[in-house]
Amino acid sequence: IKSSISIMLHLYHHLQDMKASTNGARGPKLGTQMRVIKMTLT
């Protein structure tokens, strides 16, 4: 649970940074990282 909370916070901050750097436009995909995050949380 502690590790999953850290991963979710990391994902949230990463998405916020992507949104800020692209002025709200759709940024680059996380690729395999996103799949690994989904697998880990599942």
Full PDB file with SEQRES, HELIX, SHEET, SSBOND, CRYST1, ORIGX, SCALE, CONECT and MASTER records, all heavy atoms in Angstrom:
SEQRES   1 A   42  ILE LYS SER SER ILE SER ILE MET LEU HIS LEU TYR HIS          
SEQRES   2 A   42  HIS LEU GLN ASP MET LYS ALA SER THR ASN GLY ALA ARG          
SEQRES   3 A   42  GLY PRO LYS LEU GLY THR GLN MET ARG VAL ILE LYS MET          
SEQRES   4 A   42  THR LEU THR                                                  
HELIX    1 AA1 LYS A    2  SER A   21  1                                  20    
HELIX    2 AA2 THR A   32  LEU A   41  1                                  10    
CRYST1    1.000    1.000    1.000  90.00  90.00  90.00 P 1           1          
ORIGX1      1.000000  0.000000  0.000000        0.00000                         
ORIGX2      0.000000  1.000000  0.000000        0.00000                         
ORIGX3      0.000000  0.000000  1.000000        0.00000                         
SCALE1      1.000000  0.000000  0.000000        0.00000                         
SCALE2      0.000000  1.000000  0.000000        0.00000                         
SCALE3      0.000000  0.000000  1.000000        0.00000                         
ATOM      1  N   ILE A   1       0.834  -1.202   0.000  1.00  0.00           N  
ATOM      2  CA  ILE A   1       0.000   0.000   0.000  1.00  0.00           C  
ATOM      3  C   ILE A   1       0.868   1.251   0.000  1.00  0.00           C  
ATOM      4  O   ILE A   1       0.594   2.222  -0.725  1.00  0.00           O  
ATOM      5  CB  ILE A   1      -0.952  -0.018   1.212  1.00  0.00           C  
ATOM      6  CG1 ILE A   1      -1.990  -1.129   1.058  1.00  0.00           C  
ATOM      7  CG2 ILE A   1      -1.647   1.331   1.377  1.00  0.00           C  
ATOM      8  CD1 ILE A   1      -2.849  -1.340   2.281  1.00  0.00           C  
ATOM      9  N   LYS A   2       1.943   1.229   0.791  1.00  0.00           N  
ATOM     10  CA  LYS A   2       2.850   2.385   0.828  1.00  0.00           C  
ATOM     11  C   LYS A   2       3.482   2.612  -0.538  1.00  0.00           C  
ATOM     12  O   LYS A   2       3.566   3.752  -1.026  1.00  0.00           O  
ATOM     13  CB  LYS A   2       3.914   2.143   1.894  1.00  0.00           C  
ATOM     14  CG  LYS A   2       4.767   3.366   2.232  1.00  0.00           C  
ATOM     15  CD  LYS A   2       5.979   3.472   1.353  1.00  0.00           C  
ATOM     16  CE  LYS A   2       6.751   4.755   1.626  1.00  0.00           C  
ATOM     17  NZ  LYS A   2       7.808   5.001   0.617  1.00  0.00           N  
ATOM     18  N   SER A   3       3.927   1.539  -1.195  1.00  0.00           N  
ATOM     19  CA  SER A   3       4.549   1.661  -2.511  1.00  0.00           C  
ATOM     20  C   SER A   3       3.541   2.138  -3.548  1.00  0.00           C  
ATOM     21  O   SER A   3       3.869   2.954  -4.413  1.00  0.00           O  
ATOM     22  CB  SER A   3       5.147   0.312  -2.939  1.00  0.00           C  
ATOM     23  OG  SER A   3       6.144  -0.112  -2.035  1.00  0.00           O  
ATOM     24  N   SER A   4       2.303   1.624  -3.469  1.00  0.00           N  
ATOM     25  CA  SER A   4       1.284   2.028  -4.447  1.00  0.00           C  
ATOM     26  C   SER A   4       0.916   3.498  -4.288  1.00  0.00           C  
ATOM     27  O   SER A   4       0.677   4.196  -5.279  1.00  0.00           O  
ATOM     28  CB  SER A   4       0.034   1.155  -4.299  1.00  0.00           C  
ATOM     29  OG  SER A   4      -0.581   1.363  -3.042  1.00  0.00           O  
ATOM     30  N   ILE A   5       0.875   3.993  -3.041  1.00  0.00           N  
ATOM     31  CA  ILE A   5       0.596   5.409  -2.818  1.00  0.00           C  
ATOM     32  C   ILE A   5       1.702   6.267  -3.429  1.00  0.00           C  
ATOM     33  O   ILE A   5       1.442   7.288  -4.083  1.00  0.00           O  
ATOM     34  CB  ILE A   5       0.434   5.705  -1.317  1.00  0.00           C  
ATOM     35  CG1 ILE A   5      -0.843   5.050  -0.784  1.00  0.00           C  
ATOM     36  CG2 ILE A   5       0.408   7.214  -1.055  1.00  0.00           C  
ATOM     37  CD1 ILE A   5      -1.003   5.147   0.720  1.00  0.00           C  
ATOM     38  N   SER A   6       2.956   5.843  -3.249  1.00  0.00           N  
ATOM     39  CA  SER A   6       4.079   6.576  -3.833  1.00  0.00           C  
ATOM     40  C   SER A   6       3.984   6.593  -5.354  1.00  0.00           C  
ATOM     41  O   SER A   6       4.238   7.624  -5.994  1.00  0.00           O  
ATOM     42  CB  SER A   6       5.405   5.930  -3.400  1.00  0.00           C  
ATOM     43  OG  SER A   6       5.571   5.978  -2.005  1.00  0.00           O  
ATOM     44  N   ILE A   7       3.607   5.454  -5.947  1.00  0.00           N  
ATOM     45  CA  ILE A   7       3.487   5.373  -7.405  1.00  0.00           C  
ATOM     46  C   ILE A   7       2.361   6.273  -7.905  1.00  0.00           C  
ATOM     47  O   ILE A   7       2.503   6.974  -8.920  1.00  0.00           O  
ATOM     48  CB  ILE A   7       3.263   3.914  -7.843  1.00  0.00           C  
ATOM     49  CG1 ILE A   7       4.522   3.083  -7.584  1.00  0.00           C  
ATOM     50  CG2 ILE A   7       2.886   3.833  -9.319  1.00  0.00           C  
ATOM     51  CD1 ILE A   7       4.339   1.598  -7.798  1.00  0.00           C  
ATOM     52  N   MET A   8       1.227   6.270  -7.207  1.00  0.00           N  
ATOM     53  CA  MET A   8       0.095   7.107  -7.633  1.00  0.00           C  
ATOM     54  C   MET A   8       0.438   8.590  -7.525  1.00  0.00           C  
ATOM     55  O   MET A   8       0.084   9.386  -8.406  1.00  0.00           O  
ATOM     56  CB  MET A   8      -1.147   6.776  -6.799  1.00  0.00           C  
ATOM     57  CG  MET A   8      -1.799   5.457  -7.171  1.00  0.00           C  
ATOM     58  SD  MET A   8      -3.390   5.189  -6.361  1.00  0.00           S  
ATOM     59  CE  MET A   8      -2.881   4.947  -4.658  1.00  0.00           C  
ATOM     60  N   LEU A   9       1.152   8.982  -6.463  1.00  0.00           N  
ATOM     61  CA  LEU A   9       1.568  10.375  -6.329  1.00  0.00           C  
ATOM     62  C   LEU A   9       2.546  10.747  -7.432  1.00  0.00           C  
ATOM     63  O   LEU A   9       2.489  11.854  -7.994  1.00  0.00           O  
ATOM     64  CB  LEU A   9       2.202  10.603  -4.948  1.00  0.00           C  
ATOM     65  CG  LEU A   9       1.249  10.558  -3.755  1.00  0.00           C  
ATOM     66  CD1 LEU A   9       2.023  10.677  -2.454  1.00  0.00           C  
ATOM     67  CD2 LEU A   9       0.217  11.674  -3.854  1.00  0.00           C  
ATOM     68  N   HIS A  10       3.457   9.808  -7.740  1.00  0.00           N  
ATOM     69  CA  HIS A  10       4.405  10.049  -8.836  1.00  0.00           C  
ATOM     70  C   HIS A  10       3.668  10.234 -10.156  1.00  0.00           C  
ATOM     71  O   HIS A  10       3.985  11.152 -10.936  1.00  0.00           O  
ATOM     72  CB  HIS A  10       5.368   8.865  -8.941  1.00  0.00           C  
ATOM     73  CG  HIS A  10       6.094   8.792 -10.255  1.00  0.00           C  
ATOM     74  ND1 HIS A  10       7.132   9.641 -10.578  1.00  0.00           N  
ATOM     75  CD2 HIS A  10       5.910   7.983 -11.335  1.00  0.00           C  
ATOM     76  CE1 HIS A  10       7.574   9.354 -11.800  1.00  0.00           C  
ATOM     77  NE2 HIS A  10       6.848   8.355 -12.272  1.00  0.00           N  
ATOM     78  N   LEU A  11       2.679   9.395 -10.400  1.00  0.00           N  
ATOM     79  CA  LEU A  11       1.908   9.492 -11.644  1.00  0.00           C  
ATOM     80  C   LEU A  11       1.156  10.820 -11.698  1.00  0.00           C  
ATOM     81  O   LEU A  11       1.127  11.483 -12.743  1.00  0.00           O  
ATOM     82  CB  LEU A  11       0.928   8.321 -11.742  1.00  0.00           C  
ATOM     83  CG  LEU A  11      -0.009   8.310 -12.960  1.00  0.00           C  
ATOM     84  CD1 LEU A  11       0.796   8.232 -14.250  1.00  0.00           C  
ATOM     85  CD2 LEU A  11      -0.980   7.136 -12.864  1.00  0.00           C  
ATOM     86  N   TYR A  12       0.570  11.224 -10.582  1.00  0.00           N  
ATOM     87  CA  TYR A  12      -0.179  12.481 -10.544  1.00  0.00           C  
ATOM     88  C   TYR A  12       0.737  13.672 -10.847  1.00  0.00           C  
ATOM     89  O   TYR A  12       0.405  14.534 -11.680  1.00  0.00           O  
ATOM     90  CB  TYR A  12      -0.834  12.646  -9.174  1.00  0.00           C  
ATOM     91  CG  TYR A  12      -1.480  13.997  -8.965  1.00  0.00           C  
ATOM     92  CD1 TYR A  12      -2.713  14.291  -9.546  1.00  0.00           C  
ATOM     93  CD2 TYR A  12      -0.852  14.979  -8.202  1.00  0.00           C  
ATOM     94  CE1 TYR A  12      -3.308  15.529  -9.368  1.00  0.00           C  
ATOM     95  CE2 TYR A  12      -1.439  16.215  -8.023  1.00  0.00           C  
ATOM     96  CZ  TYR A  12      -2.658  16.488  -8.602  1.00  0.00           C  
ATOM     97  OH  TYR A  12      -3.239  17.715  -8.424  1.00  0.00           O  
ATOM     98  N   HIS A  13       1.891  13.717 -10.175  1.00  0.00           N  
ATOM     99  CA  HIS A  13       2.815  14.832 -10.398  1.00  0.00           C  
ATOM    100  C   HIS A  13       3.367  14.820 -11.820  1.00  0.00           C  
ATOM    101  O   HIS A  13       3.562  15.874 -12.428  1.00  0.00           O  
ATOM    102  CB  HIS A  13       3.960  14.771  -9.384  1.00  0.00           C  
ATOM    103  CG  HIS A  13       3.542  15.073  -7.984  1.00  0.00           C  
ATOM    104  ND1 HIS A  13       2.850  16.217  -7.634  1.00  0.00           N  
ATOM    105  CD2 HIS A  13       3.702  14.366  -6.827  1.00  0.00           C  
ATOM    106  CE1 HIS A  13       2.613  16.221  -6.338  1.00  0.00           C  
ATOM    107  NE2 HIS A  13       3.111  15.103  -5.826  1.00  0.00           N  
ATOM    108  N   HIS A  14       3.618  13.608 -12.340  1.00  0.00           N  
ATOM    109  CA  HIS A  14       4.134  13.496 -13.709  1.00  0.00           C  
ATOM    110  C   HIS A  14       3.121  14.035 -14.717  1.00  0.00           C  
ATOM    111  O   HIS A  14       3.478  14.775 -15.639  1.00  0.00           O  
ATOM    112  CB  HIS A  14       4.470  12.035 -14.026  1.00  0.00           C  
ATOM    113  CG  HIS A  14       5.112  11.844 -15.367  1.00  0.00           C  
ATOM    114  ND1 HIS A  14       6.458  12.024 -15.567  1.00  0.00           N  
ATOM    115  CD2 HIS A  14       4.592  11.500 -16.568  1.00  0.00           C  
ATOM    116  CE1 HIS A  14       6.745  11.801 -16.846  1.00  0.00           C  
ATOM    117  NE2 HIS A  14       5.626  11.474 -17.467  1.00  0.00           N  
ATOM    118  N   LEU A  15       1.863  13.676 -14.542  1.00  0.00           N  
ATOM    119  CA  LEU A  15       0.824  14.152 -15.447  1.00  0.00           C  
ATOM    120  C   LEU A  15       0.632  15.660 -15.322  1.00  0.00           C  
ATOM    121  O   LEU A  15       0.382  16.355 -16.315  1.00  0.00           O  
ATOM    122  CB  LEU A  15      -0.489  13.416 -15.173  1.00  0.00           C  
ATOM    123  CG  LEU A  15      -0.496  11.914 -15.491  1.00  0.00           C  
ATOM    124  CD1 LEU A  15      -1.820  11.296 -15.073  1.00  0.00           C  
ATOM    125  CD2 LEU A  15      -0.242  11.670 -16.975  1.00  0.00           C  
ATOM    126  N   GLN A  16       0.749  16.179 -14.101  1.00  0.00           N  
ATOM    127  CA  GLN A  16       0.637  17.621 -13.913  1.00  0.00           C  
ATOM    128  C   GLN A  16       1.784  18.357 -14.598  1.00  0.00           C  
ATOM    129  O   GLN A  16       1.579  19.400 -15.233  1.00  0.00           O  
ATOM    130  CB  GLN A  16       0.627  17.952 -12.405  1.00  0.00           C  
ATOM    131  CG  GLN A  16      -0.636  17.533 -11.684  1.00  0.00           C  
ATOM    132  CD  GLN A  16      -1.870  18.294 -12.165  1.00  0.00           C  
ATOM    133  OE1 GLN A  16      -1.824  19.497 -12.387  1.00  0.00           O  
ATOM    134  NE2 GLN A  16      -2.977  17.581 -12.344  1.00  0.00           N  
ATOM    135  N   ASP A  17       2.993  17.799 -14.488  1.00  0.00           N  
ATOM    136  CA  ASP A  17       4.148  18.410 -15.149  1.00  0.00           C  
ATOM    137  C   ASP A  17       4.002  18.375 -16.663  1.00  0.00           C  
ATOM    138  O   ASP A  17       4.350  19.328 -17.364  1.00  0.00           O  
ATOM    139  CB  ASP A  17       5.438  17.696 -14.729  1.00  0.00           C  
ATOM    140  CG  ASP A  17       5.768  17.920 -13.268  1.00  0.00           C  
ATOM    141  OD1 ASP A  17       5.242  18.900 -12.689  1.00  0.00           O  
ATOM    142  OD2 ASP A  17       6.534  17.117 -12.700  1.00  0.00           O  
ATOM    143  N   MET A  18       3.498  17.242 -17.184  1.00  0.00           N  
ATOM    144  CA  MET A  18       3.284  17.129 -18.630  1.00  0.00           C  
ATOM    145  C   MET A  18       2.262  18.156 -19.099  1.00  0.00           C  
ATOM    146  O   MET A  18       2.431  18.807 -20.139  1.00  0.00           O  
ATOM    147  CB  MET A  18       2.808  15.713 -18.982  1.00  0.00           C  
ATOM    148  CG  MET A  18       3.900  14.656 -18.941  1.00  0.00           C  
ATOM    149  SD  MET A  18       3.234  12.970 -19.097  1.00  0.00           S  
ATOM    150  CE  MET A  18       2.239  13.128 -20.564  1.00  0.00           C  
ATOM    151  N   LYS A  19       1.196  18.319 -18.327  1.00  0.00           N  
ATOM    152  CA  LYS A  19       0.143  19.266 -18.702  1.00  0.00           C  
ATOM    153  C   LYS A  19       0.666  20.699 -18.671  1.00  0.00           C  
ATOM    154  O   LYS A  19       0.370  21.511 -19.559  1.00  0.00           O  
ATOM    155  CB  LYS A  19      -1.044  19.112 -17.749  1.00  0.00           C  
ATOM    156  CG  LYS A  19      -2.242  19.975 -18.124  1.00  0.00           C  
ATOM    157  CD  LYS A  19      -3.398  19.698 -17.181  1.00  0.00           C  
ATOM    158  CE  LYS A  19      -4.601  20.565 -17.540  1.00  0.00           C  
ATOM    159  NZ  LYS A  19      -5.743  20.321 -16.622  1.00  0.00           N  
ATOM    160  N   ALA A  20       1.482  21.015 -17.659  1.00  0.00           N  
ATOM    161  CA  ALA A  20       2.020  22.368 -17.545  1.00  0.00           C  
ATOM    162  C   ALA A  20       3.028  22.668 -18.655  1.00  0.00           C  
ATOM    163  O   ALA A  20       3.054  23.770 -19.202  1.00  0.00           O  
ATOM    164  CB  ALA A  20       2.680  22.549 -16.181  1.00  0.00           C  
ATOM    165  N   SER A  21       3.847  21.672 -18.987  1.00  0.00           N  
ATOM    166  CA  SER A  21       4.885  21.889 -20.002  1.00  0.00           C  
ATOM    167  C   SER A  21       4.314  22.004 -21.407  1.00  0.00           C  
ATOM    168  O   SER A  21       4.955  22.547 -22.300  1.00  0.00           O  
ATOM    169  CB  SER A  21       5.911  20.756 -19.961  1.00  0.00           C  
ATOM    170  OG  SER A  21       5.291  19.521 -20.278  1.00  0.00           O  
ATOM    171  N   THR A  22       3.103  21.461 -21.611  1.00  0.00           N  
ATOM    172  CA  THR A  22       2.487  21.512 -22.948  1.00  0.00           C  
ATOM    173  C   THR A  22       1.310  22.473 -22.998  1.00  0.00           C  
ATOM    174  O   THR A  22       0.540  22.469 -23.941  1.00  0.00           O  
ATOM    175  CB  THR A  22       2.014  20.108 -23.362  1.00  0.00           C  
ATOM    176  OG1 THR A  22       1.121  19.604 -22.354  1.00  0.00           O  
ATOM    177  CG2 THR A  22       3.191  19.156 -23.525  1.00  0.00           C  
ATOM    178  N   ASN A  23       1.158  23.297 -21.927  1.00  0.00           N  
ATOM    179  CA  ASN A  23       0.059  24.274 -21.858  1.00  0.00           C  
ATOM    180  C   ASN A  23      -1.314  23.631 -22.045  1.00  0.00           C  
ATOM    181  O   ASN A  23      -2.177  24.149 -22.746  1.00  0.00           O  
ATOM    182  CB  ASN A  23       0.262  25.369 -22.907  1.00  0.00           C  
ATOM    183  CG  ASN A  23       1.494  26.194 -22.626  1.00  0.00           C  
ATOM    184  OD1 ASN A  23       1.797  26.481 -21.474  1.00  0.00           O  
ATOM    185  ND2 ASN A  23       2.229  26.558 -23.669  1.00  0.00           N  
ATOM    186  N   GLY A  24      -1.481  22.449 -21.455  1.00  0.00           N  
ATOM    187  CA  GLY A  24      -2.766  21.764 -21.522  1.00  0.00           C  
ATOM    188  C   GLY A  24      -2.935  20.878 -22.721  1.00  0.00           C  
ATOM    189  O   GLY A  24      -3.912  20.144 -22.827  1.00  0.00           O  
ATOM    190  N   ALA A  25      -2.001  20.934 -23.664  1.00  0.00           N  
ATOM    191  CA  ALA A  25      -2.102  20.056 -24.830  1.00  0.00           C  
ATOM    192  C   ALA A  25      -1.722  18.641 -24.448  1.00  0.00           C  
ATOM    193  O   ALA A  25      -1.135  18.400 -23.398  1.00  0.00           O  
ATOM    194  CB  ALA A  25      -1.189  20.559 -25.945  1.00  0.00           C  
ATOM    195  N   ARG A  26      -2.026  17.711 -25.327  1.00  0.00           N  
ATOM    196  CA  ARG A  26      -1.746  16.305 -25.034  1.00  0.00           C  
ATOM    197  C   ARG A  26      -0.246  16.049 -25.138  1.00  0.00           C  
ATOM    198  O   ARG A  26       0.363  16.265 -26.182  1.00  0.00           O  
ATOM    199  CB  ARG A  26      -2.489  15.413 -26.020  1.00  0.00           C  
ATOM    200  CG  ARG A  26      -2.338  13.929 -25.687  1.00  0.00           C  
ATOM    201  CD  ARG A  26      -3.195  13.086 -26.594  1.00  0.00           C  
ATOM    202  NE  ARG A  26      -3.096  11.687 -26.263  1.00  0.00           N  
ATOM    203  CZ  ARG A  26      -3.754  10.733 -26.909  1.00  0.00           C  
ATOM    204  NH1 ARG A  26      -4.578  11.035 -27.889  1.00  0.00           N  
ATOM    205  NH2 ARG A  26      -3.607   9.469 -26.543  1.00  0.00           N  
ATOM    206  N   GLY A  27       0.348  15.639 -24.054  1.00  0.00           N  
ATOM    207  CA  GLY A  27       1.784  15.405 -24.019  1.00  0.00           C  
ATOM    208  C   GLY A  27       2.162  14.022 -24.473  1.00  0.00           C  
ATOM    209  O   GLY A  27       1.316  13.242 -24.900  1.00  0.00           O  
ATOM    210  N   PRO A  28       3.444  13.684 -24.384  1.00  0.00           N  
ATOM    211  CA  PRO A  28       3.910  12.372 -24.810  1.00  0.00           C  
ATOM    212  C   PRO A  28       3.391  11.273 -23.894  1.00  0.00           C  
ATOM    213  O   PRO A  28       3.123  11.499 -22.718  1.00  0.00           O  
ATOM    214  CB  PRO A  28       5.436  12.489 -24.715  1.00  0.00           C  
ATOM    215  CG  PRO A  28       5.659  13.574 -23.707  1.00  0.00           C  
ATOM    216  CD  PRO A  28       4.521  14.540 -23.890  1.00  0.00           C  
ATOM    217  N   LYS A  29       3.254  10.089 -24.439  1.00  0.00           N  
ATOM    218  CA  LYS A  29       2.752   8.953 -23.671  1.00  0.00           C  
ATOM    219  C   LYS A  29       3.829   8.408 -22.730  1.00  0.00           C  
ATOM    220  O   LYS A  29       5.018   8.535 -22.988  1.00  0.00           O  
ATOM    221  CB  LYS A  29       2.290   7.846 -24.616  1.00  0.00           C  
ATOM    222  CG  LYS A  29       1.082   8.236 -25.470  1.00  0.00           C  
ATOM    223  CD  LYS A  29       0.672   7.064 -26.347  1.00  0.00           C  
ATOM    224  CE  LYS A  29      -0.550   7.432 -27.188  1.00  0.00           C  
ATOM    225  NZ  LYS A  29      -0.973   6.315 -28.060  1.00  0.00           N  
ATOM    226  N   LEU A  30       3.372   7.777 -21.651  1.00  0.00           N  
ATOM    227  CA  LEU A  30       4.305   7.153 -20.722  1.00  0.00           C  
ATOM    228  C   LEU A  30       4.794   5.809 -21.217  1.00  0.00           C  
ATOM    229  O   LEU A  30       5.773   5.283 -20.716  1.00  0.00           O  
ATOM    230  CB  LEU A  30       3.628   6.984 -19.353  1.00  0.00           C  
ATOM    231  CG  LEU A  30       3.434   8.269 -18.544  1.00  0.00           C  
ATOM    232  CD1 LEU A  30       2.597   7.958 -17.324  1.00  0.00           C  
ATOM    233  CD2 LEU A  30       4.758   8.858 -18.154  1.00  0.00           C  
ATOM    234  N   GLY A  31       4.103   5.238 -22.205  1.00  0.00           N  
ATOM    235  CA  GLY A  31       4.539   3.967 -22.777  1.00  0.00           C  
ATOM    236  C   GLY A  31       4.508   2.845 -21.775  1.00  0.00           C  
ATOM    237  O   GLY A  31       3.549   2.653 -21.033  1.00  0.00           O  
ATOM    238  N   THR A  32       5.614   2.082 -21.721  1.00  0.00           N  
ATOM    239  CA  THR A  32       5.691   0.917 -20.853  1.00  0.00           C  
ATOM    240  C   THR A  32       5.539   1.291 -19.382  1.00  0.00           C  
ATOM    241  O   THR A  32       5.014   0.513 -18.590  1.00  0.00           O  
ATOM    242  CB  THR A  32       7.028   0.190 -21.073  1.00  0.00           C  
ATOM    243  OG1 THR A  32       7.121  -0.171 -22.446  1.00  0.00           O  
ATOM    244  CG2 THR A  32       7.114  -1.063 -20.225  1.00  0.00           C  
ATOM    245  N   GLN A  33       6.012   2.481 -18.991  1.00  0.00           N  
ATOM    246  CA  GLN A  33       5.877   2.890 -17.597  1.00  0.00           C  
ATOM    247  C   GLN A  33       4.421   2.884 -17.153  1.00  0.00           C  
ATOM    248  O   GLN A  33       4.106   2.448 -16.052  1.00  0.00           O  
ATOM    249  CB  GLN A  33       6.478   4.281 -17.408  1.00  0.00           C  
ATOM    250  CG  GLN A  33       7.990   4.300 -17.376  1.00  0.00           C  
ATOM    251  CD  GLN A  33       8.522   5.604 -16.837  1.00  0.00           C  
ATOM    252  OE1 GLN A  33       7.767   6.428 -16.309  1.00  0.00           O  
ATOM    253  NE2 GLN A  33       9.809   5.812 -16.961  1.00  0.00           N  
ATOM    254  N   MET A  34       3.542   3.379 -18.012  1.00  0.00           N  
ATOM    255  CA  MET A  34       2.123   3.414 -17.653  1.00  0.00           C  
ATOM    256  C   MET A  34       1.571   2.010 -17.499  1.00  0.00           C  
ATOM    257  O   MET A  34       0.775   1.742 -16.586  1.00  0.00           O  
ATOM    258  CB  MET A  34       1.339   4.174 -18.732  1.00  0.00           C  
ATOM    259  CG  MET A  34      -0.080   4.494 -18.318  1.00  0.00           C  
ATOM    260  SD  MET A  34      -0.089   5.607 -16.888  1.00  0.00           S  
ATOM    261  CE  MET A  34      -1.746   5.368 -16.277  1.00  0.00           C  
ATOM    262  N   ARG A  35       1.992   1.103 -18.360  1.00  0.00           N  
ATOM    263  CA  ARG A  35       1.521  -0.285 -18.264  1.00  0.00           C  
ATOM    264  C   ARG A  35       2.024  -0.934 -16.978  1.00  0.00           C  
ATOM    265  O   ARG A  35       1.301  -1.678 -16.311  1.00  0.00           O  
ATOM    266  CB  ARG A  35       1.976  -1.075 -19.492  1.00  0.00           C  
ATOM    267  CG  ARG A  35       1.209  -2.379 -19.691  1.00  0.00           C  
ATOM    268  CD  ARG A  35       1.634  -3.066 -20.974  1.00  0.00           C  
ATOM    269  NE  ARG A  35       0.836  -4.231 -21.250  1.00  0.00           N  
ATOM    270  CZ  ARG A  35      -0.256  -4.247 -21.989  1.00  0.00           C  
ATOM    271  NH1 ARG A  35      -0.704  -3.110 -22.508  1.00  0.00           N  
ATOM    272  NH2 ARG A  35      -0.927  -5.366 -22.193  1.00  0.00           N  
ATOM    273  N   VAL A  36       3.277  -0.647 -16.621  1.00  0.00           N  
ATOM    274  CA  VAL A  36       3.839  -1.184 -15.386  1.00  0.00           C  
ATOM    275  C   VAL A  36       3.113  -0.609 -14.173  1.00  0.00           C  
ATOM    276  O   VAL A  36       2.837  -1.313 -13.202  1.00  0.00           O  
ATOM    277  CB  VAL A  36       5.355  -0.883 -15.304  1.00  0.00           C  
ATOM    278  CG1 VAL A  36       5.898  -1.194 -13.919  1.00  0.00           C  
ATOM    279  CG2 VAL A  36       6.114  -1.692 -16.343  1.00  0.00           C  
ATOM    280  N   ILE A  37       2.794   0.673 -14.237  1.00  0.00           N  
ATOM    281  CA  ILE A  37       2.049   1.296 -13.140  1.00  0.00           C  
ATOM    282  C   ILE A  37       0.684   0.632 -12.972  1.00  0.00           C  
ATOM    283  O   ILE A  37       0.260   0.310 -11.857  1.00  0.00           O  
ATOM    284  CB  ILE A  37       1.889   2.810 -13.396  1.00  0.00           C  
ATOM    285  CG1 ILE A  37       3.242   3.516 -13.239  1.00  0.00           C  
ATOM    286  CG2 ILE A  37       0.868   3.419 -12.449  1.00  0.00           C  
ATOM    287  CD1 ILE A  37       3.234   4.969 -13.658  1.00  0.00           C  
ATOM    288  N   LYS A  38      -0.017   0.423 -14.088  1.00  0.00           N  
ATOM    289  CA  LYS A  38      -1.319  -0.244 -14.026  1.00  0.00           C  
ATOM    290  C   LYS A  38      -1.187  -1.652 -13.455  1.00  0.00           C  
ATOM    291  O   LYS A  38      -1.997  -2.083 -12.623  1.00  0.00           O  
ATOM    292  CB  LYS A  38      -1.938  -0.303 -15.421  1.00  0.00           C  
ATOM    293  CG  LYS A  38      -2.412   1.035 -15.968  1.00  0.00           C  
ATOM    294  CD  LYS A  38      -2.999   0.878 -17.361  1.00  0.00           C  
ATOM    295  CE  LYS A  38      -3.485   2.206 -17.927  1.00  0.00           C  
ATOM    296  NZ  LYS A  38      -4.030   2.044 -19.305  1.00  0.00           N  
ATOM    297  N   MET A  39      -0.165  -2.390 -13.905  1.00  0.00           N  
ATOM    298  CA  MET A  39       0.041  -3.748 -13.412  1.00  0.00           C  
ATOM    299  C   MET A  39       0.314  -3.748 -11.909  1.00  0.00           C  
ATOM    300  O   MET A  39      -0.255  -4.552 -11.149  1.00  0.00           O  
ATOM    301  CB  MET A  39       1.209  -4.408 -14.141  1.00  0.00           C  
ATOM    302  CG  MET A  39       1.485  -5.843 -13.693  1.00  0.00           C  
ATOM    303  SD  MET A  39       3.143  -6.418 -14.103  1.00  0.00           S  
ATOM    304  CE  MET A  39       4.126  -5.504 -12.931  1.00  0.00           C  
ATOM    305  N   THR A  40       1.181  -2.825 -11.464  1.00  0.00           N  
ATOM    306  CA  THR A  40       1.547  -2.778 -10.054  1.00  0.00           C  
ATOM    307  C   THR A  40       0.345  -2.444  -9.181  1.00  0.00           C  
ATOM    308  O   THR A  40       0.111  -3.094  -8.153  1.00  0.00           O  
ATOM    309  CB  THR A  40       2.656  -1.733  -9.831  1.00  0.00           C  
ATOM    310  OG1 THR A  40       3.762  -2.016 -10.701  1.00  0.00           O  
ATOM    311  CG2 THR A  40       3.144  -1.759  -8.403  1.00  0.00           C  
ATOM    312  N   LEU A  41      -0.422  -1.443  -9.584  1.00  0.00           N  
ATOM    313  CA  LEU A  41      -1.597  -1.054  -8.801  1.00  0.00           C  
ATOM    314  C   LEU A  41      -2.653  -2.161  -8.808  1.00  0.00           C  
ATOM    315  O   LEU A  41      -3.320  -2.388  -7.793  1.00  0.00           O  
ATOM    316  CB  LEU A  41      -2.180   0.246  -9.351  1.00  0.00           C  
ATOM    317  CG  LEU A  41      -1.279   1.483  -9.248  1.00  0.00           C  
ATOM    318  CD1 LEU A  41      -1.968   2.705  -9.836  1.00  0.00           C  
ATOM    319  CD2 LEU A  41      -0.872   1.748  -7.800  1.00  0.00           C  
ATOM    320  N   THR A  42      -2.786  -2.861  -9.932  1.00  0.00           N  
ATOM    321  CA  THR A  42      -3.729  -3.983  -9.990  1.00  0.00           C  
ATOM    322  C   THR A  42      -3.288  -5.100  -9.057  1.00  0.00           C  
ATOM    323  O   THR A  42      -4.113  -5.704  -8.352  1.00  0.00           O  
ATOM    324  CB  THR A  42      -3.833  -4.523 -11.427  1.00  0.00           C  
ATOM    325  OG1 THR A  42      -4.230  -3.470 -12.305  1.00  0.00           O  
ATOM    326  CG2 THR A  42      -4.867  -5.649 -11.502  1.00  0.00           C  
TER     327      THR A  42                                                      
MASTER        0    0    0    2    0    0    0    6  326    1    0    4          
END                                                                             
